[in-house]
Protein backbone atom coordinates (compact mmCIF):
# COMPACT_ATOMS: atom_id res chain seq x y z
CA MET A 1 -19.17 4.59 -29.90
CA ALA A 2 -16.56 4.61 -27.12
CA ALA A 3 -17.92 4.59 -23.57
CA VAL A 4 -17.18 7.66 -21.48
CA LYS A 5 -15.25 6.65 -18.38
CA GLU A 6 -17.09 7.27 -15.12
CA PHE A 7 -14.87 8.41 -12.28
CA SER A 8 -15.57 7.39 -8.71
CA VAL A 9 -16.11 10.06 -6.05
CA GLU A 10 -12.70 9.19 -4.62
CA GLU A 11 -11.06 9.79 -8.00
CA LYS A 12 -12.92 13.08 -8.38
CA LEU A 13 -11.78 14.18 -4.94
CA ALA A 14 -8.20 13.13 -5.70
CA SER A 15 -8.29 15.23 -8.88
CA LEU A 16 -9.52 18.23 -6.88
CA VAL A 17 -6.83 17.76 -4.24
CA LYS A 18 -4.17 17.55 -6.96
CA LEU A 19 -5.44 20.72 -8.62
CA GLN A 20 -5.56 22.51 -5.27
CA LYS A 21 -1.98 21.58 -4.43
CA ILE A 22 -0.76 22.76 -7.84
CA ASP A 23 -2.70 26.03 -7.59
CA SER A 24 -1.46 26.56 -4.03
CA LYS A 25 2.09 26.30 -5.36
CA LEU A 26 1.23 28.92 -7.99
CA ASP A 27 -0.19 31.07 -5.19
CA GLU A 28 3.18 30.84 -3.44
CA PHE A 29 4.85 32.38 -6.49
CA GLN A 30 2.36 35.26 -6.35
CA ILE A 31 3.04 35.70 -2.61
CA LEU A 32 6.76 35.92 -3.39
CA LYS A 33 6.02 38.75 -5.81
CA GLY A 34 3.77 40.31 -3.17
CA GLU A 35 2.36 43.69 -4.10
CA LEU A 36 5.24 44.40 -6.48
CA PRO A 37 3.30 43.88 -9.76
CA LEU A 38 0.54 46.22 -8.55
CA GLU A 39 3.05 48.75 -7.17
CA VAL A 40 4.97 48.75 -10.48
CA SER A 41 1.74 49.26 -12.42
CA ASP A 42 0.60 52.08 -10.10
CA LEU A 43 3.98 53.81 -10.33
CA GLU A 44 3.97 53.57 -14.12
CA ASP A 45 0.51 55.18 -14.19
CA GLU A 46 1.61 57.88 -11.74
CA ILE A 47 4.75 58.66 -13.75
CA ALA A 48 2.71 58.84 -16.96
CA GLY A 49 0.46 61.39 -15.20
CA LEU A 50 3.48 63.40 -14.02
CA HIS A 51 4.91 63.43 -17.55
CA ALA A 52 1.57 64.65 -18.90
CA ARG A 53 1.56 67.43 -16.27
CA LYS A 54 5.17 68.37 -17.13
CA ASN A 55 4.37 68.47 -20.84
CA ARG A 56 1.32 70.62 -20.17
CA VAL A 57 3.41 73.13 -18.14
CA GLU A 58 6.06 73.20 -20.88
CA GLU A 59 3.37 73.91 -23.48
CA GLU A 60 1.99 76.71 -21.29
CA ILE A 61 5.49 78.20 -20.94
CA ASN A 62 5.99 78.01 -24.71
CA GLY A 63 2.62 79.73 -25.21
CA ILE A 64 3.52 82.52 -22.78
CA THR A 65 6.95 82.91 -24.44
CA GLU A 66 5.26 83.31 -27.83
CA PHE A 67 2.90 85.88 -26.26
CA ILE A 68 5.91 87.84 -24.92
CA GLU A 69 7.54 87.81 -28.35
CA SER A 70 4.33 89.14 -29.92
CA LYS A 71 4.24 91.96 -27.37
CA LYS A 72 7.89 92.81 -28.07
CA GLU A 73 7.00 93.05 -31.74
CA ALA A 74 4.04 95.29 -30.81
CA ILE A 75 6.42 97.58 -28.90
CA LYS A 76 8.74 97.80 -31.92
CA GLU A 77 5.80 98.67 -34.16
CA ALA A 78 4.54 101.29 -31.67
CA GLU A 79 8.04 102.80 -31.40
CA ALA A 80 8.32 103.00 -35.17
CA LEU A 81 4.93 104.73 -35.43
CA TYR A 82 5.82 107.09 -32.57
CA LYS A 83 9.00 108.15 -34.37
CA LYS A 84 7.05 108.56 -37.60
CA TYR A 85 4.44 110.81 -35.94
CA ASP A 86 7.14 112.71 -34.04
CA LYS A 87 8.87 113.48 -37.33
CA GLN A 88 5.56 114.56 -38.89
CA SER A 89 4.82 116.87 -35.93
CA SER A 90 7.64 119.22 -37.00
CA SER A 91 5.94 119.98 -40.29
CA VAL A 92 2.28 120.36 -39.27
CA LYS A 93 0.37 123.26 -40.78
CA ASN A 94 -2.21 123.94 -38.09
CA ASN A 95 -3.31 123.11 -34.54
CA ARG A 96 -5.82 120.54 -35.72
CA GLU A 97 -3.10 118.46 -37.39
CA PHE A 98 -0.83 118.90 -34.37
CA GLU A 99 -3.54 117.64 -31.98
CA ALA A 100 -4.28 114.66 -34.23
CA ILE A 101 -0.61 113.67 -34.37
CA SER A 102 -0.19 114.27 -30.64
CA LYS A 103 -3.10 111.89 -29.94
CA GLU A 104 -1.54 109.26 -32.19
CA MET A 105 1.79 109.64 -30.36
CA GLU A 106 0.03 109.30 -27.00
CA MET A 107 -1.80 106.23 -28.30
CA GLN A 108 1.51 104.57 -29.29
CA GLN A 109 3.00 105.39 -25.88
CA LEU A 110 0.01 103.75 -24.23
CA GLU A 111 0.38 100.72 -26.50
CA MET A 112 4.05 100.42 -25.47
CA LYS A 113 3.26 100.76 -21.76
CA LEU A 114 0.45 98.22 -22.00
CA ALA A 115 2.67 95.77 -23.90
CA GLU A 116 5.44 96.25 -21.32
CA LYS A 117 2.94 95.50 -18.52
CA HIS A 118 1.79 92.38 -20.38
CA ILE A 119 5.42 91.28 -20.76
CA LYS A 120 6.10 91.91 -17.04
CA ASP A 121 3.01 89.89 -16.01
CA ALA A 122 3.87 87.14 -18.47
CA ASN A 123 7.45 86.89 -17.15
CA GLU A 124 6.11 86.54 -13.61
CA GLU A 125 3.77 83.81 -14.82
CA ILE A 126 6.67 82.02 -16.55
CA ALA A 127 8.65 82.16 -13.29
CA GLU A 128 5.74 80.46 -11.47
CA LYS A 129 5.38 77.88 -14.24
CA ALA A 130 9.15 77.24 -14.13
CA LYS A 131 8.85 76.39 -10.42
CA LEU A 132 5.99 73.96 -11.16
CA LEU A 133 8.05 72.44 -13.98
CA GLU A 134 11.03 71.94 -11.68
CA ILE A 135 8.82 70.27 -9.06
CA ALA A 136 7.31 67.99 -11.72
CA LYS A 137 10.79 67.01 -12.99
CA LYS A 138 11.99 66.23 -9.44
CA ASN A 139 8.86 64.16 -8.76
CA ILE A 140 9.38 62.23 -11.98
CA ALA A 141 13.03 61.56 -11.14
CA THR A 142 12.09 60.37 -7.62
CA LYS A 143 9.26 58.14 -8.80
CA GLU A 144 11.36 56.70 -11.64
CA GLY A 145 14.08 55.82 -9.11
CA VAL A 146 11.54 53.96 -6.96
CA LEU A 147 10.04 52.30 -10.05
CA ASN A 148 13.43 51.07 -11.28
CA HIS A 149 14.19 49.61 -7.85
CA LYS A 150 10.86 47.78 -7.66
CA LYS A 151 11.21 46.57 -11.25
CA GLU A 152 14.63 45.11 -10.42
CA GLU A 153 13.14 43.33 -7.39
CA LEU A 154 10.27 41.95 -9.45
CA GLU A 155 12.50 40.91 -12.35
CA LYS A 156 14.81 39.05 -9.95
CA ILE A 157 11.89 37.14 -8.44
CA ILE A 158 10.52 36.35 -11.91
CA ALA A 159 13.95 35.19 -13.10
CA ASP A 160 14.31 32.93 -10.04
CA THR A 161 10.85 31.39 -10.31
CA GLU A 162 9.80 31.70 -13.96
CA LYS A 163 10.85 28.21 -15.05
CA GLU A 164 9.17 26.49 -12.11
CA GLU A 165 6.08 28.70 -12.32
CA THR A 166 5.69 27.93 -16.03
CA GLN A 167 5.87 24.19 -15.26
CA PHE A 168 3.18 24.48 -12.57
CA ARG A 169 0.94 26.53 -14.88
CA LYS A 170 1.11 23.69 -17.39
CA LYS A 171 0.40 21.19 -14.61
CA SER A 172 -2.60 23.26 -13.50
CA ALA A 173 -4.01 23.40 -17.03
CA ALA A 174 -3.60 19.62 -17.36
CA ALA A 175 -5.08 18.93 -13.92
CA ARG A 176 -8.15 21.05 -14.66
CA LYS A 177 -9.00 18.73 -17.56
CA ASP A 178 -9.29 15.84 -15.08
CA VAL A 179 -11.87 17.63 -12.94
CA GLU A 180 -15.59 17.33 -13.67
CA GLU A 181 -16.96 20.60 -15.07
CA ARG A 182 -19.52 21.05 -12.28
CA LEU A 183 -16.90 20.52 -9.59
CA LEU A 184 -14.43 22.76 -11.40
CA TYR A 185 -16.98 25.59 -11.41
CA SER A 186 -17.52 25.18 -7.65
CA TYR A 187 -13.77 24.92 -7.05
CA ASP A 188 -13.06 28.19 -8.92
CA ARG A 189 -15.92 29.99 -7.19
CA ILE A 190 -14.73 28.92 -3.72
CA ARG A 191 -11.09 29.79 -4.53
CA LYS A 192 -12.08 33.32 -5.50
CA SER A 193 -13.97 33.73 -2.23
CA TYR A 194 -10.88 33.35 -0.03
CA ARG A 195 -7.62 35.28 -0.08
CA ASN A 196 -5.56 32.14 0.59
CA GLY A 197 -7.15 30.44 -2.46
CA LEU A 198 -8.02 27.27 -0.54
CA ALA A 199 -11.11 25.55 -1.96
CA VAL A 200 -10.22 21.95 -1.05
CA VAL A 201 -8.96 21.30 2.48
CA PRO A 202 -8.36 18.25 4.68
CA VAL A 203 -10.03 17.63 8.00
CA ASP A 204 -7.23 18.23 10.49
CA ARG A 205 -7.59 17.55 14.23
CA ASP A 206 -11.36 17.19 13.85
CA ALA A 207 -11.65 20.61 12.22
CA CYS A 208 -11.95 22.14 8.77
CA GLY A 209 -8.48 22.90 7.38
CA GLY A 210 -9.79 26.18 6.00
CA CYS A 211 -11.85 27.90 8.68
CA PHE A 212 -10.88 25.59 11.60
CA ASN A 213 -14.52 25.08 12.51
CA ALA A 214 -15.21 21.72 14.22
CA VAL A 215 -16.36 18.88 11.95
CA PRO A 216 -18.76 16.44 13.69
CA PRO A 217 -17.55 12.81 14.00
CA GLN A 218 -20.43 11.50 11.86
CA LYS A 219 -19.51 13.87 9.04
CA GLN A 220 -15.85 12.87 9.31
CA SER A 221 -16.90 9.23 8.87
CA GLU A 222 -18.85 10.12 5.73
CA ILE A 223 -15.87 12.07 4.36
CA ARG A 224 -13.60 9.02 4.83
CA LEU A 225 -16.05 6.80 2.89
CA HIS A 226 -15.59 8.89 -0.31
CA LYS A 227 -19.21 8.28 -1.29
CA LYS A 228 -20.05 11.90 -1.98
CA VAL A 229 -18.45 15.34 -2.08
CA MET A 230 -18.76 16.94 1.36
CA VAL A 231 -18.42 20.63 2.19
CA CYS A 232 -17.77 22.54 5.39
CA GLU A 233 -21.06 23.84 6.83
CA ASN A 234 -19.29 27.00 8.02
CA CYS A 235 -17.09 28.13 5.09
CA GLY A 236 -18.35 26.02 2.17
CA ARG A 237 -14.94 24.57 1.30
CA ILE A 238 -14.72 21.03 -0.07
CA LEU A 239 -13.56 18.64 2.66
CA VAL A 240 -11.36 15.56 2.22
CA ASP A 241 -9.86 13.19 4.76
CA ALA A 242 -6.22 13.57 5.78
CA ASP A 243 -5.19 10.20 4.22
CA LEU A 244 -6.48 11.13 0.77
CA ASN A 245 -4.88 14.53 1.02
CA GLU A 246 -1.49 13.02 1.93
CA ASN A 247 -1.65 10.34 -0.75
CA VAL A 248 -1.96 12.90 -3.55
CA ASN A 249 1.54 14.12 -4.33
CA VAL A 250 2.58 16.85 -6.73
CA LYS A 251 6.20 16.95 -7.81
């Protein structure tokens, strides 16, 4: 059975420094993109919502239009019945029949007036819906213009950096394999805790390179010995000496 190679603390720290430098380079690519990916995503969601609103208004207008057509048909039917009863009124035999026909004629007149009122109200509602539809269309056009501009910006940045970013992603994946699992877990946890993504920092001018809190001389001496992994008492970042940090190069 092959022996598992034991890495020294210095080698473990060097692996962490290498991973940090690679990931910091990847962070630079994200900084270049800035808020654009999030802005593009938000705009796409907003435009989808505006389209849904526009479609809903169009459906409402179609529904009202169908209602108007049904009322127009009702008017035609009422007019036809009115004419029919009017014709019958000339040949009634008694007052009772005349009153019955007269009531039917009045009923059809009321039906026509009511249908005309419904049509008038519906046309007013369509006019209001048409205004909302126009506003929705203008909003969509405006937002789509902004979205296209931001997409062009983002696509240009991606085109300029994609090849290099892909290379560094591969380097990061390879570098992670060289880091002890326990240290990798701590590294990822610390990275997520800080916006600048710095989990491994050098001691610079007697201070932590992450939070700039002073590092006591005795602790600095221990860090330079590479006997154990040391962390900043203030921010919890992993500390390395400046020489080790400078000696680890990432192309």
